[in-house]
Amino acid sequence: MNKAQQHRSYYLYEQHLTQLTLQGKRPATIDADSRALRRITHQMDKSPDTLTTEDLKWYFTHTFKIQSYN
Protein backbone atom coordinates (compact mmCIF):
# COMPACT_ATOMS: atom_id res chain seq x y z
CA MET A 1 0.00 0.00 0.00
CA ASN A 2 1.15 3.51 -0.65
CA LYS A 3 1.09 6.21 2.07
CA ALA A 4 -2.41 7.42 1.21
CA GLN A 5 -3.78 3.87 1.30
CA GLN A 6 -2.03 3.20 4.60
CA HIS A 7 -3.51 6.38 6.06
CA ARG A 8 -6.98 5.41 4.81
CA SER A 9 -6.59 1.88 6.20
CA TYR A 10 -5.56 3.23 9.61
CA TYR A 11 -8.50 5.64 9.63
CA LEU A 12 -10.95 2.83 8.80
CA TYR A 13 -9.37 0.60 11.44
CA GLU A 14 -9.87 3.29 14.08
CA GLN A 15 -13.47 3.78 12.95
CA HIS A 16 -14.02 0.03 13.23
CA LEU A 17 -12.73 0.02 16.82
CA THR A 18 -14.93 2.99 17.69
CA GLN A 19 -18.03 1.33 16.23
CA LEU A 20 -17.42 -1.92 18.09
CA THR A 21 -16.94 0.00 21.33
CA LEU A 22 -20.10 2.05 20.79
CA GLN A 23 -22.02 -1.16 20.09
CA GLY A 24 -21.00 -2.35 23.54
CA LYS A 25 -18.89 -5.25 22.33
CA ARG A 26 -16.75 -6.96 24.92
CA PRO A 27 -13.00 -6.24 24.89
CA ALA A 28 -12.22 -9.82 23.80
CA THR A 29 -14.57 -9.45 20.81
CA ILE A 30 -13.04 -6.12 19.85
CA ASP A 31 -9.57 -7.64 20.11
CA ALA A 32 -10.46 -10.68 17.98
CA ASP A 33 -12.26 -8.62 15.33
CA SER A 34 -9.47 -6.08 15.11
CA ARG A 35 -6.80 -8.79 14.82
CA ALA A 36 -8.76 -10.44 12.00
CA LEU A 37 -9.10 -7.13 10.17
CA ARG A 38 -5.36 -6.42 10.53
CA ARG A 39 -4.46 -9.92 9.32
CA ILE A 40 -6.67 -9.73 6.24
CA THR A 41 -5.58 -6.25 5.20
CA HIS A 42 -1.92 -7.12 5.77
CA GLN A 43 -2.13 -10.39 3.82
CA MET A 44 -4.01 -8.79 0.94
CA ASP A 45 -1.99 -5.54 1.13
CA LYS A 46 -5.19 -3.54 0.66
CA SER A 47 -7.24 -1.05 2.60
CA PRO A 48 -10.39 -2.68 4.02
CA ASP A 49 -12.67 -0.56 1.84
CA THR A 50 -11.02 -1.90 -1.31
CA LEU A 51 -11.35 -5.61 -0.49
CA THR A 52 -13.65 -7.45 -2.86
CA THR A 53 -15.75 -10.55 -2.29
CA GLU A 54 -13.22 -12.46 -4.38
CA ASP A 55 -10.37 -11.20 -2.18
CA LEU A 56 -12.15 -12.46 0.93
CA LYS A 57 -13.01 -15.80 -0.67
CA TRP A 58 -9.35 -16.28 -1.60
CA TYR A 59 -8.15 -15.26 1.87
CA PHE A 60 -10.49 -17.59 3.75
CA THR A 61 -9.90 -20.51 1.36
CA HIS A 62 -6.13 -20.01 1.60
CA THR A 63 -6.26 -19.73 5.40
CA PHE A 64 -8.45 -22.82 5.70
CA LYS A 65 -6.07 -24.85 3.53
CA ILE A 66 -3.03 -23.80 5.56
CA GLN A 67 -4.71 -24.56 8.88
CA SER A 68 -6.02 -27.92 7.72
CA TYR A 69 -2.48 -29.06 6.87
CA ASN A 70 -1.18 -28.23 10.36
PDB file of N, CA and C in Angstrom:
ATOM      1  N   MET A   1       0.843  -1.185   0.000  1.00  0.00           N
ATOM      2  CA  MET A   1       0.000   0.000   0.000  1.00  0.00           C
ATOM      3  C   MET A   1       0.882   1.240   0.000  1.00  0.00           C
ATOM      4  N   ASN A   2       0.424   2.248  -0.701  1.00  0.00           N
ATOM      5  CA  ASN A   2       1.148   3.510  -0.653  1.00  0.00           C
ATOM      6  C   ASN A   2       0.736   4.281   0.617  1.00  0.00           C
ATOM      7  N   LYS A   3       1.340   5.437   0.845  1.00  0.00           N
ATOM      8  CA  LYS A   3       1.091   6.214   2.068  1.00  0.00           C
ATOM      9  C   LYS A   3      -0.379   6.597   2.217  1.00  0.00           C
ATOM     10  N   ALA A   4      -1.005   7.013   1.140  1.00  0.00           N
ATOM     11  CA  ALA A   4      -2.413   7.420   1.205  1.00  0.00           C
ATOM     12  C   ALA A   4      -3.297   6.227   1.569  1.00  0.00           C
ATOM     13  N   GLN A   5      -3.000   5.072   0.991  1.00  0.00           N
ATOM     14  CA  GLN A   5      -3.777   3.867   1.299  1.00  0.00           C
ATOM     15  C   GLN A   5      -3.555   3.425   2.746  1.00  0.00           C
ATOM     16  N   GLN A   6      -2.324   3.547   3.217  1.00  0.00           N
ATOM     17  CA  GLN A   6      -2.030   3.200   4.603  1.00  0.00           C
ATOM     18  C   GLN A   6      -2.781   4.121   5.560  1.00  0.00           C
ATOM     19  N   HIS A   7      -2.798   5.407   5.237  1.00  0.00           N
ATOM     20  CA  HIS A   7      -3.511   6.377   6.062  1.00  0.00           C
ATOM     21  C   HIS A   7      -5.003   6.052   6.079  1.00  0.00           C
ATOM     22  N   ARG A   8      -5.560   5.754   4.914  1.00  0.00           N
ATOM     23  CA  ARG A   8      -6.979   5.410   4.813  1.00  0.00           C
ATOM     24  C   ARG A   8      -7.277   4.138   5.600  1.00  0.00           C
ATOM     25  N   SER A   9      -6.408   3.140   5.484  1.00  0.00           N
ATOM     26  CA  SER A   9      -6.590   1.885   6.199  1.00  0.00           C
ATOM     27  C   SER A   9      -6.572   2.114   7.712  1.00  0.00           C
ATOM     28  N   TYR A  10      -5.641   2.924   8.188  1.00  0.00           N
ATOM     29  CA  TYR A  10      -5.556   3.227   9.613  1.00  0.00           C
ATOM     30  C   TYR A  10      -6.816   3.957  10.090  1.00  0.00           C
ATOM     31  N   TYR A  11      -7.283   4.904   9.294  1.00  0.00           N
ATOM     32  CA  TYR A  11      -8.503   5.642   9.630  1.00  0.00           C
ATOM     33  C   TYR A  11      -9.694   4.685   9.741  1.00  0.00           C
ATOM     34  N   LEU A  12      -9.844   3.788   8.783  1.00  0.00           N
ATOM     35  CA  LEU A  12     -10.946   2.833   8.803  1.00  0.00           C
ATOM     36  C   LEU A  12     -10.828   1.866   9.980  1.00  0.00           C
ATOM     37  N   TYR A  13      -9.605   1.469  10.295  1.00  0.00           N
ATOM     38  CA  TYR A  13      -9.368   0.599  11.441  1.00  0.00           C
ATOM     39  C   TYR A  13      -9.822   1.280  12.729  1.00  0.00           C
ATOM     40  N   GLU A  14      -9.454   2.536  12.893  1.00  0.00           N
ATOM     41  CA  GLU A  14      -9.866   3.286  14.081  1.00  0.00           C
ATOM     42  C   GLU A  14     -11.382   3.445  14.143  1.00  0.00           C
ATOM     43  N   GLN A  15     -12.016   3.676  13.012  1.00  0.00           N
ATOM     44  CA  GLN A  15     -13.474   3.781  12.951  1.00  0.00           C
ATOM     45  C   GLN A  15     -14.117   2.448  13.346  1.00  0.00           C
ATOM     46  N   HIS A  16     -13.528   1.368  12.894  1.00  0.00           N
ATOM     47  CA  HIS A  16     -14.016   0.026  13.231  1.00  0.00           C
ATOM     48  C   HIS A  16     -13.976  -0.184  14.746  1.00  0.00           C
ATOM     49  N   LEU A  17     -12.855   0.157  15.363  1.00  0.00           N
ATOM     50  CA  LEU A  17     -12.729   0.022  16.818  1.00  0.00           C
ATOM     51  C   LEU A  17     -13.763   0.873  17.543  1.00  0.00           C
ATOM     52  N   THR A  18     -13.952   2.094  17.075  1.00  0.00           N
ATOM     53  CA  THR A  18     -14.934   2.990  17.685  1.00  0.00           C
ATOM     54  C   THR A  18     -16.340   2.409  17.588  1.00  0.00           C
ATOM     55  N   GLN A  19     -16.692   1.900  16.420  1.00  0.00           N
ATOM     56  CA  GLN A  19     -18.033   1.330  16.227  1.00  0.00           C
ATOM     57  C   GLN A  19     -18.262   0.116  17.122  1.00  0.00           C
ATOM     58  N   LEU A  20     -17.273  -0.740  17.228  1.00  0.00           N
ATOM     59  CA  LEU A  20     -17.416  -1.915  18.089  1.00  0.00           C
ATOM     60  C   LEU A  20     -17.588  -1.507  19.552  1.00  0.00           C
ATOM     61  N   THR A  21     -16.838  -0.497  19.958  1.00  0.00           N
ATOM     62  CA  THR A  21     -16.940   0.003  21.326  1.00  0.00           C
ATOM     63  C   THR A  21     -18.318   0.601  21.575  1.00  0.00           C
ATOM     64  N   LEU A  22     -18.793   1.429  20.644  1.00  0.00           N
ATOM     65  CA  LEU A  22     -20.101   2.053  20.790  1.00  0.00           C
ATOM     66  C   LEU A  22     -21.238   1.032  20.782  1.00  0.00           C
ATOM     67  N   GLN A  23     -21.022  -0.091  20.110  1.00  0.00           N
ATOM     68  CA  GLN A  23     -22.020  -1.158  20.090  1.00  0.00           C
ATOM     69  C   GLN A  23     -22.017  -1.962  21.389  1.00  0.00           C
ATOM     70  N   GLY A  24     -21.063  -1.665  22.256  1.00  0.00           N
ATOM     71  CA  GLY A  24     -20.996  -2.355  23.539  1.00  0.00           C
ATOM     72  C   GLY A  24     -20.358  -3.730  23.474  1.00  0.00           C
ATOM     73  N   LYS A  25     -19.558  -3.957  22.453  1.00  0.00           N
ATOM     74  CA  LYS A  25     -18.894  -5.254  22.325  1.00  0.00           C
ATOM     75  C   LYS A  25     -17.891  -5.429  23.460  1.00  0.00           C
ATOM     76  N   ARG A  26     -17.696  -6.660  23.850  1.00  0.00           N
ATOM     77  CA  ARG A  26     -16.747  -6.964  24.917  1.00  0.00           C
ATOM     78  C   ARG A  26     -15.319  -6.762  24.404  1.00  0.00           C
ATOM     79  N   PRO A  27     -14.401  -6.450  25.305  1.00  0.00           N
ATOM     80  CA  PRO A  27     -13.005  -6.242  24.890  1.00  0.00           C
ATOM     81  C   PRO A  27     -12.416  -7.425  24.119  1.00  0.00           C
ATOM     82  N   ALA A  28     -12.752  -8.649  24.510  1.00  0.00           N
ATOM     83  CA  ALA A  28     -12.218  -9.824  23.797  1.00  0.00           C
ATOM     84  C   ALA A  28     -12.743  -9.873  22.363  1.00  0.00           C
ATOM     85  N   THR A  29     -13.983  -9.482  22.155  1.00  0.00           N
ATOM     86  CA  THR A  29     -14.566  -9.452  20.810  1.00  0.00           C
ATOM     87  C   THR A  29     -13.896  -8.381  19.972  1.00  0.00           C
ATOM     88  N   ILE A  30     -13.706  -7.222  20.557  1.00  0.00           N
ATOM     89  CA  ILE A  30     -13.040  -6.122  19.851  1.00  0.00           C
ATOM     90  C   ILE A  30     -11.629  -6.542  19.463  1.00  0.00           C
ATOM     91  N   ASP A  31     -10.929  -7.193  20.387  1.00  0.00           N
ATOM     92  CA  ASP A  31      -9.566  -7.643  20.111  1.00  0.00           C
ATOM     93  C   ASP A  31      -9.543  -8.664  18.972  1.00  0.00           C
ATOM     94  N   ALA A  32     -10.432  -9.648  19.024  1.00  0.00           N
ATOM     95  CA  ALA A  32     -10.464 -10.681  17.982  1.00  0.00           C
ATOM     96  C   ALA A  32     -10.832 -10.097  16.621  1.00  0.00           C
ATOM     97  N   ASP A  33     -11.852  -9.243  16.598  1.00  0.00           N
ATOM     98  CA  ASP A  33     -12.263  -8.621  15.330  1.00  0.00           C
ATOM     99  C   ASP A  33     -11.164  -7.748  14.751  1.00  0.00           C
ATOM    100  N   SER A  34     -10.504  -6.982  15.605  1.00  0.00           N
ATOM    101  CA  SER A  34      -9.472  -6.078  15.108  1.00  0.00           C
ATOM    102  C   SER A  34      -8.252  -6.852  14.611  1.00  0.00           C
ATOM    103  N   ARG A  35      -7.912  -7.958  15.292  1.00  0.00           N
ATOM    104  CA  ARG A  35      -6.802  -8.791  14.816  1.00  0.00           C
ATOM    105  C   ARG A  35      -7.124  -9.396  13.454  1.00  0.00           C
ATOM    106  N   ALA A  36      -8.354  -9.863  13.289  1.00  0.00           N
ATOM    107  CA  ALA A  36      -8.760 -10.441  11.996  1.00  0.00           C
ATOM    108  C   ALA A  36      -8.679  -9.398  10.897  1.00  0.00           C
ATOM    109  N   LEU A  37      -9.147  -8.202  11.172  1.00  0.00           N
ATOM    110  CA  LEU A  37      -9.095  -7.131  10.174  1.00  0.00           C
ATOM    111  C   LEU A  37      -7.652  -6.798   9.809  1.00  0.00           C
ATOM    112  N   ARG A  38      -6.774  -6.700  10.802  1.00  0.00           N
ATOM    113  CA  ARG A  38      -5.361  -6.416  10.529  1.00  0.00           C
ATOM    114  C   ARG A  38      -4.720  -7.527   9.709  1.00  0.00           C
ATOM    115  N   ARG A  39      -5.029  -8.786  10.055  1.00  0.00           N
ATOM    116  CA  ARG A  39      -4.458  -9.918   9.318  1.00  0.00           C
ATOM    117  C   ARG A  39      -4.876  -9.915   7.857  1.00  0.00           C
ATOM    118  N   ILE A  40      -6.157  -9.710   7.618  1.00  0.00           N
ATOM    119  CA  ILE A  40      -6.669  -9.731   6.242  1.00  0.00           C
ATOM    120  C   ILE A  40      -6.080  -8.592   5.423  1.00  0.00           C
ATOM    121  N   THR A  41      -6.099  -7.381   5.969  1.00  0.00           N
ATOM    122  CA  THR A  41      -5.582  -6.249   5.203  1.00  0.00           C
ATOM    123  C   THR A  41      -4.085  -6.364   4.979  1.00  0.00           C
ATOM    124  N   HIS A  42      -3.369  -6.926   5.951  1.00  0.00           N
ATOM    125  CA  HIS A  42      -1.925  -7.116   5.774  1.00  0.00           C
ATOM    126  C   HIS A  42      -1.652  -8.174   4.699  1.00  0.00           C
ATOM    127  N   GLN A  43      -2.335  -9.302   4.789  1.00  0.00           N
ATOM    128  CA  GLN A  43      -2.134 -10.394   3.823  1.00  0.00           C
ATOM    129  C   GLN A  43      -2.472  -9.945   2.407  1.00  0.00           C
ATOM    130  N   MET A  44      -3.568  -9.207   2.269  1.00  0.00           N
ATOM    131  CA  MET A  44      -4.010  -8.789   0.943  1.00  0.00           C
ATOM    132  C   MET A  44      -3.328  -7.491   0.490  1.00  0.00           C
ATOM    133  N   ASP A  45      -2.660  -6.811   1.407  1.00  0.00           N
ATOM    134  CA  ASP A  45      -1.989  -5.538   1.131  1.00  0.00           C
ATOM    135  C   ASP A  45      -2.962  -4.529   0.512  1.00  0.00           C
ATOM    136  N   LYS A  46      -4.154  -4.453   1.139  1.00  0.00           N
ATOM    137  CA  LYS A  46      -5.193  -3.541   0.661  1.00  0.00           C
ATOM    138  C   LYS A  46      -5.877  -2.890   1.854  1.00  0.00           C
ATOM    139  N   SER A  47      -6.406  -1.709   1.605  1.00  0.00           N
ATOM    140  CA  SER A  47      -7.238  -1.047   2.596  1.00  0.00           C
ATOM    141  C   SER A  47      -8.556  -1.820   2.690  1.00  0.00           C
ATOM    142  N   PRO A  48      -9.168  -1.891   3.876  1.00  0.00           N
ATOM    143  CA  PRO A  48     -10.394  -2.681   4.023  1.00  0.00           C
ATOM    144  C   PRO A  48     -11.519  -2.284   3.072  1.00  0.00           C
ATOM    145  N   ASP A  49     -11.585  -1.011   2.722  1.00  0.00           N
ATOM    146  CA  ASP A  49     -12.668  -0.559   1.838  1.00  0.00           C
ATOM    147  C   ASP A  49     -12.445  -0.921   0.374  1.00  0.00           C
ATOM    148  N   THR A  50     -11.281  -1.492   0.067  1.00  0.00           N
ATOM    149  CA  THR A  50     -11.021  -1.898  -1.315  1.00  0.00           C
ATOM    150  C   THR A  50     -11.069  -3.412  -1.495  1.00  0.00           C
ATOM    151  N   LEU A  51     -11.269  -4.155  -0.398  1.00  0.00           N
ATOM    152  CA  LEU A  51     -11.350  -5.608  -0.495  1.00  0.00           C
ATOM    153  C   LEU A  51     -12.631  -6.008  -1.218  1.00  0.00           C
ATOM    154  N   THR A  52     -12.492  -6.963  -2.109  1.00  0.00           N
ATOM    155  CA  THR A  52     -13.652  -7.454  -2.855  1.00  0.00           C
ATOM    156  C   THR A  52     -14.109  -8.789  -2.269  1.00  0.00           C
ATOM    157  N   THR A  53     -15.252  -9.228  -2.700  1.00  0.00           N
ATOM    158  CA  THR A  53     -15.747 -10.546  -2.291  1.00  0.00           C
ATOM    159  C   THR A  53     -14.759 -11.625  -2.705  1.00  0.00           C
ATOM    160  N   GLU A  54     -14.204 -11.485  -3.895  1.00  0.00           N
ATOM    161  CA  GLU A  54     -13.217 -12.459  -4.376  1.00  0.00           C
ATOM    162  C   GLU A  54     -11.961 -12.455  -3.511  1.00  0.00           C
ATOM    163  N   ASP A  55     -11.518 -11.272  -3.084  1.00  0.00           N
ATOM    164  CA  ASP A  55     -10.366 -11.199  -2.179  1.00  0.00           C
ATOM    165  C   ASP A  55     -10.636 -11.988  -0.903  1.00  0.00           C
ATOM    166  N   LEU A  56     -11.807 -11.787  -0.321  1.00  0.00           N
ATOM    167  CA  LEU A  56     -12.147 -12.455   0.932  1.00  0.00           C
ATOM    168  C   LEU A  56     -12.304 -13.963   0.746  1.00  0.00           C
ATOM    169  N   LYS A  57     -12.897 -14.371  -0.377  1.00  0.00           N
ATOM    170  CA  LYS A  57     -13.006 -15.803  -0.666  1.00  0.00           C
ATOM    171  C   LYS A  57     -11.613 -16.429  -0.749  1.00  0.00           C
ATOM    172  N   TRP A  58     -10.714 -15.768  -1.467  1.00  0.00           N
ATOM    173  CA  TRP A  58      -9.351 -16.276  -1.599  1.00  0.00           C
ATOM    174  C   TRP A  58      -8.687 -16.359  -0.232  1.00  0.00           C
ATOM    175  N   TYR A  59      -8.799 -15.302   0.558  1.00  0.00           N
ATOM    176  CA  TYR A  59      -8.152 -15.261   1.871  1.00  0.00           C
ATOM    177  C   TYR A  59      -8.640 -16.402   2.762  1.00  0.00           C
ATOM    178  N   PHE A  60      -9.956 -16.564   2.867  1.00  0.00           N
ATOM    179  CA  PHE A  60     -10.485 -17.592   3.754  1.00  0.00           C
ATOM    180  C   PHE A  60     -10.199 -19.002   3.234  1.00  0.00           C
ATOM    181  N   THR A  61     -10.239 -19.207   1.937  1.00  0.00           N
ATOM    182  CA  THR A  61      -9.897 -20.509   1.365  1.00  0.00           C
ATOM    183  C   THR A  61      -8.434 -20.827   1.625  1.00  0.00           C
ATOM    184  N   HIS A  62      -7.564 -19.851   1.384  1.00  0.00           N
ATOM    185  CA  HIS A  62      -6.129 -20.010   1.600  1.00  0.00           C
ATOM    186  C   HIS A  62      -5.845 -20.294   3.082  1.00  0.00           C
ATOM    187  N   THR A  63      -6.465 -19.549   3.963  1.00  0.00           N
ATOM    188  CA  THR A  63      -6.260 -19.732   5.404  1.00  0.00           C
ATOM    189  C   THR A  63      -6.745 -21.108   5.854  1.00  0.00           C
ATOM    190  N   PHE A  64      -7.905 -21.517   5.348  1.00  0.00           N
ATOM    191  CA  PHE A  64      -8.448 -22.824   5.703  1.00  0.00           C
ATOM    192  C   PHE A  64      -7.507 -23.935   5.256  1.00  0.00           C
ATOM    193  N   LYS A  65      -6.986 -23.824   4.046  1.00  0.00           N
ATOM    194  CA  LYS A  65      -6.071 -24.853   3.533  1.00  0.00           C
ATOM    195  C   LYS A  65      -4.815 -24.944   4.389  1.00  0.00           C
ATOM    196  N   ILE A  66      -4.246 -23.811   4.749  1.00  0.00           N
ATOM    197  CA  ILE A  66      -3.029 -23.798   5.563  1.00  0.00           C
ATOM    198  C   ILE A  66      -3.304 -24.415   6.928  1.00  0.00           C
ATOM    199  N   GLN A  67      -4.401 -24.049   7.549  1.00  0.00           N
ATOM    200  CA  GLN A  67      -4.712 -24.559   8.881  1.00  0.00           C
ATOM    201  C   GLN A  67      -5.057 -26.044   8.865  1.00  0.00           C
ATOM    202  N   SER A  68      -5.649 -26.516   7.779  1.00  0.00           N
ATOM    203  CA  SER A  68      -6.016 -27.921   7.722  1.00  0.00           C
ATOM    204  C   SER A  68      -4.807 -28.830   7.538  1.00  0.00           C
ATOM    205  N   TYR A  69      -3.690 -28.276   7.044  1.00  0.00           N
ATOM    206  CA  TYR A  69      -2.476 -29.060   6.867  1.00  0.00           C
ATOM    207  C   TYR A  69      -1.661 -29.133   8.166  1.00  0.00           C
ATOM    208  N   ASN A  70      -1.946 -28.253   9.099  1.00  0.00           N
ATOM    209  CA  ASN A  70      -1.183 -28.229  10.360  1.00  0.00           C
ATOM    210  C   ASN A  70      -1.784 -29.099  11.412  1.00  0.00           C
TER     211      ASN A  70
END
